[in-house]
N, C-alpha and C. Protein backbone atom coordinates (compact mmCIF):
# COMPACT_ATOMS: atom_id res chain seq x y z
N ALA A 1 0.83 -1.21 0.00
CA ALA A 1 0.00 0.00 0.00
C ALA A 1 0.87 1.26 0.00
N ARG A 2 1.94 1.26 0.78
CA ARG A 2 2.82 2.42 0.82
C ARG A 2 3.57 2.59 -0.51
N ARG A 3 3.90 1.46 -1.15
CA ARG A 3 4.57 1.53 -2.45
C ARG A 3 3.67 2.19 -3.48
N VAL A 4 2.39 1.85 -3.46
CA VAL A 4 1.44 2.44 -4.39
C VAL A 4 1.29 3.93 -4.12
N GLU A 5 1.25 4.28 -2.83
CA GLU A 5 1.10 5.68 -2.44
C GLU A 5 2.28 6.52 -2.90
N LYS A 6 3.50 5.98 -2.76
CA LYS A 6 4.70 6.72 -3.15
C LYS A 6 5.73 5.73 -3.68
N PRO A 7 5.71 5.47 -4.98
CA PRO A 7 6.69 4.52 -5.53
C PRO A 7 8.09 5.12 -5.57
N TRP A 8 9.10 4.27 -5.31
CA TRP A 8 10.50 4.67 -5.38
C TRP A 8 11.25 3.71 -6.29
N PRO A 9 12.36 4.13 -6.88
CA PRO A 9 13.13 3.24 -7.76
C PRO A 9 13.98 2.22 -7.02
N VAL A 10 14.19 2.43 -5.71
CA VAL A 10 15.01 1.53 -4.90
C VAL A 10 14.33 1.35 -3.54
N TYR A 11 14.33 0.11 -3.05
CA TYR A 11 13.77 -0.16 -1.73
C TYR A 11 14.80 -0.93 -0.90
N LYS A 12 14.97 -0.50 0.34
CA LYS A 12 15.76 -1.26 1.30
C LYS A 12 14.79 -2.04 2.17
N ILE A 13 14.92 -3.35 2.14
CA ILE A 13 13.95 -4.22 2.80
C ILE A 13 14.61 -4.94 3.97
N LYS A 14 14.03 -4.78 5.14
CA LYS A 14 14.56 -5.44 6.34
C LYS A 14 13.96 -6.84 6.43
N LEU A 15 14.83 -7.82 6.57
CA LEU A 15 14.40 -9.21 6.67
C LEU A 15 14.94 -9.84 7.95
N GLY A 16 14.70 -11.14 8.10
CA GLY A 16 15.13 -11.86 9.28
C GLY A 16 14.02 -12.71 9.83
N THR A 17 13.21 -13.27 8.92
CA THR A 17 12.09 -14.11 9.32
C THR A 17 12.24 -15.48 8.67
N ASP A 18 11.31 -16.37 8.96
CA ASP A 18 11.33 -17.68 8.30
C ASP A 18 10.59 -17.64 6.97
N ARG A 19 10.19 -16.45 6.54
CA ARG A 19 9.48 -16.29 5.26
C ARG A 19 10.18 -15.28 4.36
N ASP A 20 11.47 -15.10 4.52
CA ASP A 20 12.19 -14.07 3.78
C ASP A 20 12.07 -14.20 2.26
N ILE A 21 12.24 -15.40 1.76
CA ILE A 21 12.17 -15.60 0.32
C ILE A 21 10.76 -15.30 -0.20
N GLU A 22 9.76 -15.78 0.53
CA GLU A 22 8.38 -15.53 0.12
C GLU A 22 8.05 -14.03 0.13
N ILE A 23 8.60 -13.31 1.08
CA ILE A 23 8.37 -11.86 1.16
C ILE A 23 8.91 -11.17 -0.09
N ILE A 24 10.13 -11.50 -0.48
CA ILE A 24 10.72 -10.86 -1.66
C ILE A 24 10.01 -11.30 -2.93
N GLU A 25 9.64 -12.56 -3.02
CA GLU A 25 8.88 -13.03 -4.19
C GLU A 25 7.56 -12.28 -4.32
N SER A 26 6.89 -12.06 -3.20
CA SER A 26 5.62 -11.35 -3.22
C SER A 26 5.79 -9.89 -3.62
N LEU A 27 6.80 -9.23 -3.04
CA LEU A 27 7.04 -7.82 -3.39
C LEU A 27 7.44 -7.66 -4.85
N ARG A 28 8.19 -8.61 -5.36
CA ARG A 28 8.66 -8.52 -6.74
C ARG A 28 7.51 -8.55 -7.75
N LYS A 29 6.39 -9.13 -7.37
CA LYS A 29 5.23 -9.17 -8.27
C LYS A 29 4.63 -7.80 -8.50
N HIS A 30 4.97 -6.84 -7.64
CA HIS A 30 4.32 -5.54 -7.69
C HIS A 30 5.22 -4.39 -8.14
N THR A 31 6.51 -4.64 -8.30
CA THR A 31 7.42 -3.57 -8.72
C THR A 31 8.68 -4.16 -9.34
N ASP A 32 9.25 -3.41 -10.29
CA ASP A 32 10.54 -3.82 -10.86
C ASP A 32 11.68 -2.98 -10.29
N ALA A 33 11.43 -2.29 -9.18
CA ALA A 33 12.46 -1.47 -8.53
C ALA A 33 13.58 -2.35 -8.00
N VAL A 34 14.74 -1.72 -7.79
CA VAL A 34 15.88 -2.42 -7.20
C VAL A 34 15.59 -2.70 -5.73
N PHE A 35 15.91 -3.89 -5.29
CA PHE A 35 15.79 -4.25 -3.88
C PHE A 35 17.17 -4.35 -3.25
N ARG A 36 17.33 -3.78 -2.07
CA ARG A 36 18.52 -3.96 -1.25
C ARG A 36 18.05 -4.52 0.08
N ILE A 37 18.68 -5.58 0.53
CA ILE A 37 18.20 -6.29 1.71
C ILE A 37 19.12 -6.08 2.90
N ASP A 38 18.52 -5.78 4.04
CA ASP A 38 19.24 -5.69 5.31
C ASP A 38 18.73 -6.82 6.20
N ALA A 39 19.59 -7.80 6.43
CA ALA A 39 19.19 -8.95 7.26
C ALA A 39 19.32 -8.68 8.75
N ASN A 40 19.92 -7.56 9.11
CA ASN A 40 20.06 -7.19 10.53
C ASN A 40 20.67 -8.30 11.37
N ALA A 41 21.68 -8.97 10.79
CA ALA A 41 22.45 -10.01 11.50
C ALA A 41 21.59 -11.20 11.93
N ALA A 42 20.50 -11.46 11.21
CA ALA A 42 19.52 -12.46 11.66
C ALA A 42 19.77 -13.87 11.14
N TRP A 43 20.63 -14.03 10.13
CA TRP A 43 20.78 -15.35 9.51
C TRP A 43 22.01 -16.09 10.02
N ARG A 44 22.02 -17.39 9.77
CA ARG A 44 23.22 -18.22 9.94
C ARG A 44 23.80 -18.43 8.55
N ALA A 45 25.05 -18.82 8.48
CA ALA A 45 25.78 -18.83 7.20
C ALA A 45 25.09 -19.66 6.13
N GLU A 46 24.78 -20.92 6.41
CA GLU A 46 24.19 -21.78 5.38
C GLU A 46 22.80 -21.30 4.99
N GLU A 47 22.03 -20.85 5.97
CA GLU A 47 20.71 -20.27 5.70
C GLU A 47 20.84 -19.06 4.79
N ALA A 48 21.83 -18.22 5.09
CA ALA A 48 22.05 -17.01 4.30
C ALA A 48 22.34 -17.35 2.84
N LEU A 49 23.17 -18.34 2.61
CA LEU A 49 23.53 -18.68 1.24
C LEU A 49 22.32 -19.17 0.45
N VAL A 50 21.47 -19.96 1.07
CA VAL A 50 20.24 -20.42 0.40
C VAL A 50 19.37 -19.23 0.00
N LYS A 51 19.22 -18.30 0.92
CA LYS A 51 18.37 -17.13 0.65
C LYS A 51 19.00 -16.23 -0.39
N ILE A 52 20.30 -16.02 -0.29
CA ILE A 52 20.97 -15.14 -1.25
C ILE A 52 20.92 -15.73 -2.66
N ASP A 53 21.08 -17.04 -2.77
CA ASP A 53 20.95 -17.69 -4.08
C ASP A 53 19.58 -17.42 -4.68
N ALA A 54 18.53 -17.47 -3.86
CA ALA A 54 17.18 -17.20 -4.34
C ALA A 54 17.00 -15.73 -4.70
N PHE A 55 17.60 -14.83 -3.91
CA PHE A 55 17.43 -13.40 -4.13
C PHE A 55 18.12 -12.92 -5.41
N LYS A 56 19.15 -13.61 -5.84
CA LYS A 56 19.90 -13.17 -7.02
C LYS A 56 18.99 -13.07 -8.24
N SER A 57 18.04 -13.98 -8.36
CA SER A 57 17.15 -13.97 -9.52
C SER A 57 15.92 -13.08 -9.30
N LEU A 58 15.86 -12.41 -8.14
CA LEU A 58 14.70 -11.58 -7.81
C LEU A 58 15.04 -10.09 -7.80
N GLY A 59 16.13 -9.72 -8.45
CA GLY A 59 16.46 -8.31 -8.57
C GLY A 59 17.02 -7.66 -7.33
N VAL A 60 17.65 -8.46 -6.48
CA VAL A 60 18.29 -7.91 -5.27
C VAL A 60 19.72 -7.48 -5.62
N GLU A 61 20.10 -6.28 -5.21
CA GLU A 61 21.40 -5.72 -5.57
C GLU A 61 22.51 -6.14 -4.61
N PHE A 62 22.25 -6.08 -3.31
CA PHE A 62 23.24 -6.52 -2.33
C PHE A 62 22.56 -6.85 -1.01
N ILE A 63 23.33 -7.48 -0.12
CA ILE A 63 22.84 -7.88 1.19
C ILE A 63 23.65 -7.16 2.27
N GLU A 64 22.95 -6.59 3.22
CA GLU A 64 23.62 -5.89 4.32
C GLU A 64 23.55 -6.73 5.58
N GLN A 65 24.68 -6.88 6.22
CA GLN A 65 24.86 -7.58 7.50
C GLN A 65 24.04 -8.87 7.59
N PRO A 66 24.42 -9.89 6.81
CA PRO A 66 23.65 -11.14 6.84
C PRO A 66 23.79 -11.93 8.14
N LEU A 67 24.99 -11.89 8.75
CA LEU A 67 25.25 -12.71 9.94
C LEU A 67 25.53 -11.85 11.16
N ALA A 68 25.63 -12.50 12.31
CA ALA A 68 25.94 -11.79 13.55
C ALA A 68 27.24 -10.99 13.40
N LYS A 69 27.31 -9.87 14.07
CA LYS A 69 28.41 -8.94 13.85
C LYS A 69 29.79 -9.52 14.14
N ASP A 70 29.85 -10.54 15.02
CA ASP A 70 31.14 -11.12 15.38
C ASP A 70 31.33 -12.52 14.79
N ASP A 71 30.50 -12.91 13.84
CA ASP A 71 30.65 -14.21 13.20
C ASP A 71 31.61 -14.10 12.01
N TRP A 72 32.87 -13.88 12.31
CA TRP A 72 33.86 -13.65 11.26
C TRP A 72 34.14 -14.93 10.46
N GLU A 73 34.11 -16.06 11.12
CA GLU A 73 34.33 -17.32 10.41
C GLU A 73 33.20 -17.58 9.42
N GLY A 74 31.98 -17.37 9.87
CA GLY A 74 30.83 -17.55 8.99
C GLY A 74 30.84 -16.56 7.84
N MET A 75 31.23 -15.32 8.12
CA MET A 75 31.28 -14.30 7.07
C MET A 75 32.34 -14.63 6.03
N LYS A 76 33.47 -15.15 6.46
CA LYS A 76 34.53 -15.53 5.53
C LYS A 76 34.01 -16.60 4.57
N TRP A 77 33.33 -17.59 5.11
CA TRP A 77 32.76 -18.68 4.31
C TRP A 77 31.72 -18.14 3.33
N LEU A 78 30.83 -17.28 3.84
CA LEU A 78 29.76 -16.73 3.00
C LEU A 78 30.32 -15.79 1.93
N PHE A 79 31.31 -15.00 2.30
CA PHE A 79 31.95 -14.07 1.37
C PHE A 79 32.50 -14.81 0.15
N GLU A 80 33.07 -15.96 0.39
CA GLU A 80 33.69 -16.73 -0.70
C GLU A 80 32.66 -17.42 -1.59
N LYS A 81 31.41 -17.54 -1.13
CA LYS A 81 30.40 -18.27 -1.88
C LYS A 81 29.24 -17.41 -2.39
N SER A 82 29.04 -16.26 -1.81
CA SER A 82 27.85 -15.46 -2.12
C SER A 82 27.84 -14.95 -3.55
N PRO A 83 26.72 -15.10 -4.27
CA PRO A 83 26.60 -14.56 -5.62
C PRO A 83 26.25 -13.07 -5.63
N LEU A 84 25.97 -12.51 -4.46
CA LEU A 84 25.66 -11.08 -4.34
C LEU A 84 26.65 -10.41 -3.39
N PRO A 85 26.92 -9.12 -3.60
CA PRO A 85 27.81 -8.39 -2.69
C PRO A 85 27.24 -8.35 -1.27
N LEU A 86 28.14 -8.39 -0.30
CA LEU A 86 27.78 -8.35 1.11
C LEU A 86 28.36 -7.09 1.75
N TYR A 87 27.52 -6.32 2.44
CA TYR A 87 27.96 -5.08 3.07
C TYR A 87 27.87 -5.18 4.59
N ALA A 88 28.92 -4.74 5.26
CA ALA A 88 28.95 -4.75 6.72
C ALA A 88 28.23 -3.54 7.29
N ASP A 89 27.46 -3.76 8.34
CA ASP A 89 26.84 -2.65 9.06
C ASP A 89 27.27 -2.73 10.52
N GLU A 90 26.64 -3.60 11.30
CA GLU A 90 27.01 -3.74 12.71
C GLU A 90 28.45 -4.21 12.89
N SER A 91 29.01 -4.87 11.88
CA SER A 91 30.40 -5.34 11.97
C SER A 91 31.40 -4.22 11.70
N CYS A 92 30.91 -3.07 11.25
CA CYS A 92 31.82 -1.96 10.92
C CYS A 92 31.28 -0.67 11.52
N VAL A 93 31.70 -0.40 12.75
CA VAL A 93 31.24 0.78 13.47
C VAL A 93 32.32 1.87 13.50
N ALA A 94 33.53 1.48 13.84
CA ALA A 94 34.62 2.43 14.01
C ALA A 94 35.67 2.28 12.91
N GLU A 95 36.59 3.21 12.88
CA GLU A 95 37.64 3.19 11.86
C GLU A 95 38.43 1.89 11.87
N THR A 96 38.69 1.36 13.05
CA THR A 96 39.50 0.15 13.18
C THR A 96 38.78 -1.10 12.65
N ASP A 97 37.48 -0.98 12.41
CA ASP A 97 36.72 -2.14 11.92
C ASP A 97 36.86 -2.34 10.42
N VAL A 98 37.24 -1.30 9.69
CA VAL A 98 37.27 -1.40 8.23
C VAL A 98 38.19 -2.52 7.76
N GLU A 99 39.40 -2.55 8.28
CA GLU A 99 40.35 -3.57 7.85
C GLU A 99 39.89 -4.96 8.29
N LYS A 100 39.21 -5.06 9.42
CA LYS A 100 38.69 -6.35 9.85
C LYS A 100 37.68 -6.91 8.85
N CYS A 101 36.95 -6.03 8.21
CA CYS A 101 35.91 -6.44 7.26
C CYS A 101 36.47 -6.91 5.93
N TYR A 102 37.70 -6.54 5.63
CA TYR A 102 38.32 -6.94 4.37
C TYR A 102 38.42 -8.46 4.30
N GLY A 103 37.99 -9.04 3.19
CA GLY A 103 38.01 -10.48 3.03
C GLY A 103 36.81 -11.17 3.66
N HIS A 104 35.92 -10.39 4.27
CA HIS A 104 34.69 -10.93 4.87
C HIS A 104 33.45 -10.28 4.26
N PHE A 105 33.62 -9.05 3.80
CA PHE A 105 32.54 -8.30 3.15
C PHE A 105 33.08 -7.65 1.88
N HIS A 106 32.18 -7.38 0.95
CA HIS A 106 32.57 -6.68 -0.27
C HIS A 106 32.57 -5.16 -0.07
N GLY A 107 31.88 -4.71 0.96
CA GLY A 107 31.81 -3.28 1.22
C GLY A 107 31.38 -3.01 2.65
N ILE A 108 31.36 -1.74 3.02
CA ILE A 108 30.98 -1.34 4.37
C ILE A 108 29.89 -0.27 4.31
N ASN A 109 29.08 -0.24 5.36
CA ASN A 109 28.07 0.80 5.54
C ASN A 109 28.51 1.67 6.70
N ILE A 110 28.76 2.94 6.42
CA ILE A 110 29.22 3.89 7.44
C ILE A 110 28.03 4.69 7.93
N LYS A 111 27.90 4.82 9.25
CA LYS A 111 26.87 5.66 9.83
C LYS A 111 27.54 6.71 10.71
N LEU A 112 27.26 7.97 10.41
CA LEU A 112 27.93 9.06 11.12
C LEU A 112 27.63 9.04 12.61
N THR A 113 26.43 8.62 12.98
CA THR A 113 26.07 8.60 14.39
C THR A 113 26.80 7.50 15.15
N LYS A 114 27.37 6.55 14.43
CA LYS A 114 28.12 5.48 15.08
C LYS A 114 29.63 5.73 15.05
N CYS A 115 30.14 6.25 13.94
CA CYS A 115 31.60 6.41 13.81
C CYS A 115 32.11 7.72 14.38
N SER A 116 31.20 8.60 14.78
CA SER A 116 31.52 9.87 15.47
C SER A 116 31.63 11.08 14.57
N GLY A 117 31.21 10.97 13.31
CA GLY A 117 31.14 12.18 12.51
C GLY A 117 31.81 12.11 11.15
N LEU A 118 31.87 13.28 10.50
CA LEU A 118 32.35 13.36 9.12
C LEU A 118 33.83 13.02 8.97
N THR A 119 34.65 13.50 9.88
CA THR A 119 36.09 13.27 9.74
C THR A 119 36.46 11.79 9.85
N PRO A 120 35.98 11.06 10.86
CA PRO A 120 36.24 9.62 10.88
C PRO A 120 35.65 8.91 9.66
N ALA A 121 34.48 9.36 9.22
CA ALA A 121 33.84 8.74 8.05
C ALA A 121 34.71 8.90 6.81
N LEU A 122 35.30 10.06 6.64
CA LEU A 122 36.19 10.29 5.49
C LEU A 122 37.39 9.36 5.53
N ARG A 123 37.93 9.15 6.73
CA ARG A 123 39.07 8.23 6.85
C ARG A 123 38.63 6.79 6.57
N MET A 124 37.43 6.43 6.99
CA MET A 124 36.92 5.09 6.71
C MET A 124 36.71 4.88 5.21
N ILE A 125 36.21 5.88 4.53
CA ILE A 125 36.04 5.80 3.08
C ILE A 125 37.39 5.59 2.41
N GLU A 126 38.37 6.39 2.82
CA GLU A 126 39.71 6.28 2.23
C GLU A 126 40.31 4.89 2.46
N LYS A 127 40.15 4.36 3.66
CA LYS A 127 40.69 3.04 3.97
C LYS A 127 39.98 1.96 3.16
N ALA A 128 38.67 2.04 3.08
CA ALA A 128 37.91 1.04 2.32
C ALA A 128 38.32 1.07 0.85
N ARG A 129 38.48 2.25 0.31
CA ARG A 129 38.88 2.38 -1.10
C ARG A 129 40.27 1.78 -1.33
N SER A 130 41.16 1.96 -0.37
CA SER A 130 42.52 1.43 -0.52
C SER A 130 42.51 -0.09 -0.52
N LEU A 131 41.46 -0.68 0.05
CA LEU A 131 41.33 -2.14 0.10
C LEU A 131 40.45 -2.67 -1.03
N GLY A 132 39.98 -1.77 -1.88
CA GLY A 132 39.14 -2.18 -3.00
C GLY A 132 37.71 -2.53 -2.60
N MET A 133 37.24 -1.98 -1.49
CA MET A 133 35.91 -2.28 -0.99
C MET A 133 34.90 -1.20 -1.39
N GLY A 134 33.64 -1.62 -1.53
CA GLY A 134 32.58 -0.68 -1.79
C GLY A 134 32.23 0.10 -0.53
N VAL A 135 31.55 1.24 -0.73
CA VAL A 135 31.19 2.09 0.42
C VAL A 135 29.75 2.57 0.29
N MET A 136 29.05 2.39 1.37
CA MET A 136 27.69 2.93 1.52
C MET A 136 27.68 3.80 2.75
N VAL A 137 26.92 4.89 2.72
CA VAL A 137 26.71 5.68 3.93
C VAL A 137 25.23 5.57 4.26
N GLY A 138 24.95 5.13 5.47
CA GLY A 138 23.57 4.88 5.86
C GLY A 138 23.08 5.81 6.94
N SER A 139 21.83 5.60 7.32
CA SER A 139 21.22 6.46 8.33
C SER A 139 20.28 5.63 9.18
N MET A 140 19.77 6.25 10.23
CA MET A 140 18.77 5.61 11.06
C MET A 140 17.53 6.50 11.04
N ASN A 141 17.38 7.37 12.02
CA ASN A 141 16.22 8.26 12.01
C ASN A 141 16.66 9.72 12.12
N GLU A 142 17.79 10.03 11.46
CA GLU A 142 18.29 11.40 11.51
C GLU A 142 17.30 12.40 10.90
N SER A 143 17.27 13.58 11.47
CA SER A 143 16.50 14.67 10.88
C SER A 143 17.26 15.20 9.66
N THR A 144 16.78 16.28 9.09
CA THR A 144 17.48 16.90 7.96
C THR A 144 18.89 17.35 8.36
N ILE A 145 19.11 17.68 9.63
CA ILE A 145 20.44 18.11 10.06
C ILE A 145 21.45 17.00 9.83
N GLY A 146 21.21 15.84 10.41
CA GLY A 146 22.13 14.72 10.23
C GLY A 146 22.14 14.19 8.82
N SER A 147 20.99 14.19 8.17
CA SER A 147 20.91 13.66 6.80
C SER A 147 21.65 14.54 5.80
N ALA A 148 21.68 15.85 6.05
CA ALA A 148 22.42 16.75 5.18
C ALA A 148 23.92 16.45 5.27
N ALA A 149 24.39 16.16 6.47
CA ALA A 149 25.80 15.79 6.63
C ALA A 149 26.10 14.52 5.86
N ILE A 150 25.21 13.53 5.98
CA ILE A 150 25.37 12.28 5.25
C ILE A 150 25.40 12.53 3.75
N ALA A 151 24.47 13.35 3.27
CA ALA A 151 24.33 13.59 1.83
C ALA A 151 25.55 14.28 1.23
N HIS A 152 26.29 15.01 2.04
CA HIS A 152 27.48 15.69 1.53
C HIS A 152 28.62 14.72 1.21
N LEU A 153 28.48 13.47 1.59
CA LEU A 153 29.51 12.47 1.28
C LEU A 153 29.23 11.71 -0.01
N GLN A 154 28.08 11.96 -0.63
CA GLN A 154 27.64 11.07 -1.70
C GLN A 154 28.54 11.05 -2.93
N SER A 155 29.31 12.07 -3.16
CA SER A 155 30.20 12.06 -4.33
C SER A 155 31.37 11.08 -4.16
N GLN A 156 31.59 10.61 -2.93
CA GLN A 156 32.73 9.73 -2.65
C GLN A 156 32.33 8.28 -2.39
N ILE A 157 31.04 7.97 -2.51
CA ILE A 157 30.57 6.64 -2.14
C ILE A 157 29.79 6.00 -3.27
N ASP A 158 29.41 4.74 -3.06
CA ASP A 158 28.66 3.99 -4.07
C ASP A 158 27.15 4.04 -3.83
N TYR A 159 26.76 4.01 -2.56
CA TYR A 159 25.35 3.97 -2.21
C TYR A 159 25.07 4.92 -1.06
N LEU A 160 23.93 5.61 -1.15
CA LEU A 160 23.53 6.57 -0.11
C LEU A 160 22.16 6.19 0.43
N ASP A 161 22.07 6.09 1.74
CA ASP A 161 20.80 5.83 2.41
C ASP A 161 20.58 6.96 3.41
N ALA A 162 19.85 7.98 2.98
CA ALA A 162 19.66 9.17 3.82
C ALA A 162 18.19 9.55 3.88
N ASP A 163 17.35 8.57 4.18
CA ASP A 163 15.91 8.79 4.13
C ASP A 163 15.29 9.16 5.47
N GLY A 164 16.11 9.44 6.47
CA GLY A 164 15.59 9.75 7.80
C GLY A 164 14.46 10.77 7.82
N PRO A 165 14.64 11.93 7.18
CA PRO A 165 13.58 12.95 7.21
C PRO A 165 12.25 12.49 6.63
N LEU A 166 12.30 11.54 5.68
CA LEU A 166 11.06 11.05 5.08
C LEU A 166 10.24 10.22 6.05
N LEU A 167 10.88 9.76 7.12
CA LEU A 167 10.21 8.93 8.10
C LEU A 167 9.70 9.72 9.31
N LEU A 168 9.97 11.02 9.32
CA LEU A 168 9.59 11.86 10.46
C LEU A 168 8.28 12.59 10.19
N LYS A 169 7.44 12.65 11.21
CA LYS A 169 6.21 13.43 11.10
C LYS A 169 6.53 14.92 11.12
N GLU A 170 7.51 15.31 11.94
CA GLU A 170 7.94 16.70 12.01
C GLU A 170 9.47 16.74 11.96
N ASP A 171 10.01 17.71 11.27
CA ASP A 171 11.45 17.84 11.13
C ASP A 171 11.90 19.16 11.74
N VAL A 172 13.17 19.23 12.12
CA VAL A 172 13.69 20.43 12.78
C VAL A 172 14.44 21.35 11.82
N ALA A 173 14.53 20.95 10.53
CA ALA A 173 15.26 21.77 9.57
C ALA A 173 14.78 21.45 8.16
N THR A 174 15.14 22.34 7.24
CA THR A 174 14.90 22.11 5.82
C THR A 174 16.23 22.26 5.09
N GLY A 175 16.28 21.86 3.84
CA GLY A 175 17.51 22.03 3.08
C GLY A 175 17.87 20.87 2.18
N LEU A 176 17.12 19.78 2.27
CA LEU A 176 17.33 18.64 1.39
C LEU A 176 16.13 18.47 0.47
N THR A 177 16.41 18.06 -0.77
CA THR A 177 15.35 17.75 -1.72
C THR A 177 15.45 16.29 -2.10
N TYR A 178 14.34 15.57 -2.02
CA TYR A 178 14.28 14.16 -2.38
C TYR A 178 13.52 14.04 -3.70
N ARG A 179 14.24 13.69 -4.76
CA ARG A 179 13.61 13.57 -6.07
C ARG A 179 12.95 12.21 -6.23
N ASP A 180 12.01 12.14 -7.18
CA ASP A 180 11.29 10.89 -7.42
C ASP A 180 12.20 9.78 -7.94
N ASP A 181 13.37 10.15 -8.50
CA ASP A 181 14.30 9.13 -8.98
C ASP A 181 15.22 8.62 -7.88
N GLY A 182 14.96 9.05 -6.64
CA GLY A 182 15.75 8.57 -5.51
C GLY A 182 16.97 9.40 -5.19
N LYS A 183 17.24 10.44 -5.97
CA LYS A 183 18.41 11.28 -5.72
C LYS A 183 18.14 12.24 -4.56
N VAL A 184 19.18 12.47 -3.76
CA VAL A 184 19.10 13.41 -2.65
C VAL A 184 19.93 14.63 -3.01
N ILE A 185 19.31 15.80 -3.03
CA ILE A 185 19.97 17.02 -3.46
C ILE A 185 20.17 17.96 -2.28
N THR A 186 21.41 18.36 -2.06
CA THR A 186 21.71 19.33 -1.01
C THR A 186 21.53 20.74 -1.56
N SER A 187 21.34 21.70 -0.67
CA SER A 187 21.18 23.08 -1.11
C SER A 187 22.55 23.71 -1.37
N ALA A 188 22.55 24.89 -1.94
CA ALA A 188 23.79 25.60 -2.25
C ALA A 188 24.18 26.57 -1.14
N GLU A 189 23.47 26.51 -0.02
CA GLU A 189 23.77 27.40 1.09
C GLU A 189 25.05 26.96 1.80
N PRO A 190 25.69 27.84 2.58
CA PRO A 190 26.93 27.49 3.28
C PRO A 190 26.74 26.36 4.29
N GLY A 191 27.86 25.75 4.65
CA GLY A 191 27.84 24.69 5.66
C GLY A 191 27.05 23.48 5.19
N LEU A 192 26.19 22.98 6.05
CA LEU A 192 25.34 21.84 5.68
C LEU A 192 24.22 22.26 4.74
N GLY A 193 24.03 23.56 4.58
CA GLY A 193 23.00 24.04 3.66
C GLY A 193 21.59 23.91 4.21
N ILE A 194 21.44 23.96 5.53
CA ILE A 194 20.13 23.77 6.14
C ILE A 194 19.62 25.06 6.76
N GLN A 195 18.32 25.08 6.98
CA GLN A 195 17.67 26.17 7.71
C GLN A 195 16.81 25.55 8.81
N PHE A 196 16.97 26.04 10.04
CA PHE A 196 16.20 25.50 11.15
C PHE A 196 14.74 25.93 11.06
N THR A 197 13.85 25.05 11.44
CA THR A 197 12.43 25.37 11.51
C THR A 197 12.08 25.82 12.92
N ASP A 198 10.85 26.28 13.11
CA ASP A 198 10.42 26.71 14.45
C ASP A 198 10.47 25.57 15.44
N LEU A 199 10.32 24.33 14.94
CA LEU A 199 10.32 23.18 15.81
C LEU A 199 11.66 23.02 16.52
N TYR A 200 12.75 23.46 15.86
CA TYR A 200 14.09 23.34 16.45
C TYR A 200 14.18 24.16 17.74
N GLU A 201 13.53 25.32 17.77
CA GLU A 201 13.59 26.21 18.93
C GLU A 201 12.84 25.60 20.12
N LYS A 202 11.88 24.72 19.83
CA LYS A 202 11.09 24.13 20.90
C LYS A 202 11.86 23.02 21.61
């Protein structure tokens, strides 16, 4: 119902149930949009491979955090067998985690609220690139303030997930434009390019 109300070209789908394949098969009947899956560390290695094999033919682009954050042995095994790229989320929080993820994931998901801001994030991007890894910058429920900071990194990364403001009933700032093609546009104003709303003062 929400897809019909506001269709998007890309969907990030949270999974981790005993019906994951059926869920994606059902959604695929209603849209040809790109699917990106976040398993939220819910799968075991062999289970993950079965599901990922099925997802490959269902238009899924990549899988985020398929296994528990500290299951490095399982991730190594899955990394060597997976037909789809695997991105670290909970396994890659700080700068020191990037190198740990090499050889276990194809890329990393950086979140500014976890790594402590733009400067550490830039170093994480540089390190990941030096290792030949993909880079995504993600979000949780940031307002336009945090999402604008995230969006300013998009020229240096492969994937951007900055939809926090779209999930808020009320926002504390303006300054980002979300186009129907999924692009996030920052303003040309100085700094983060945002303007505070009256709600910020409250």
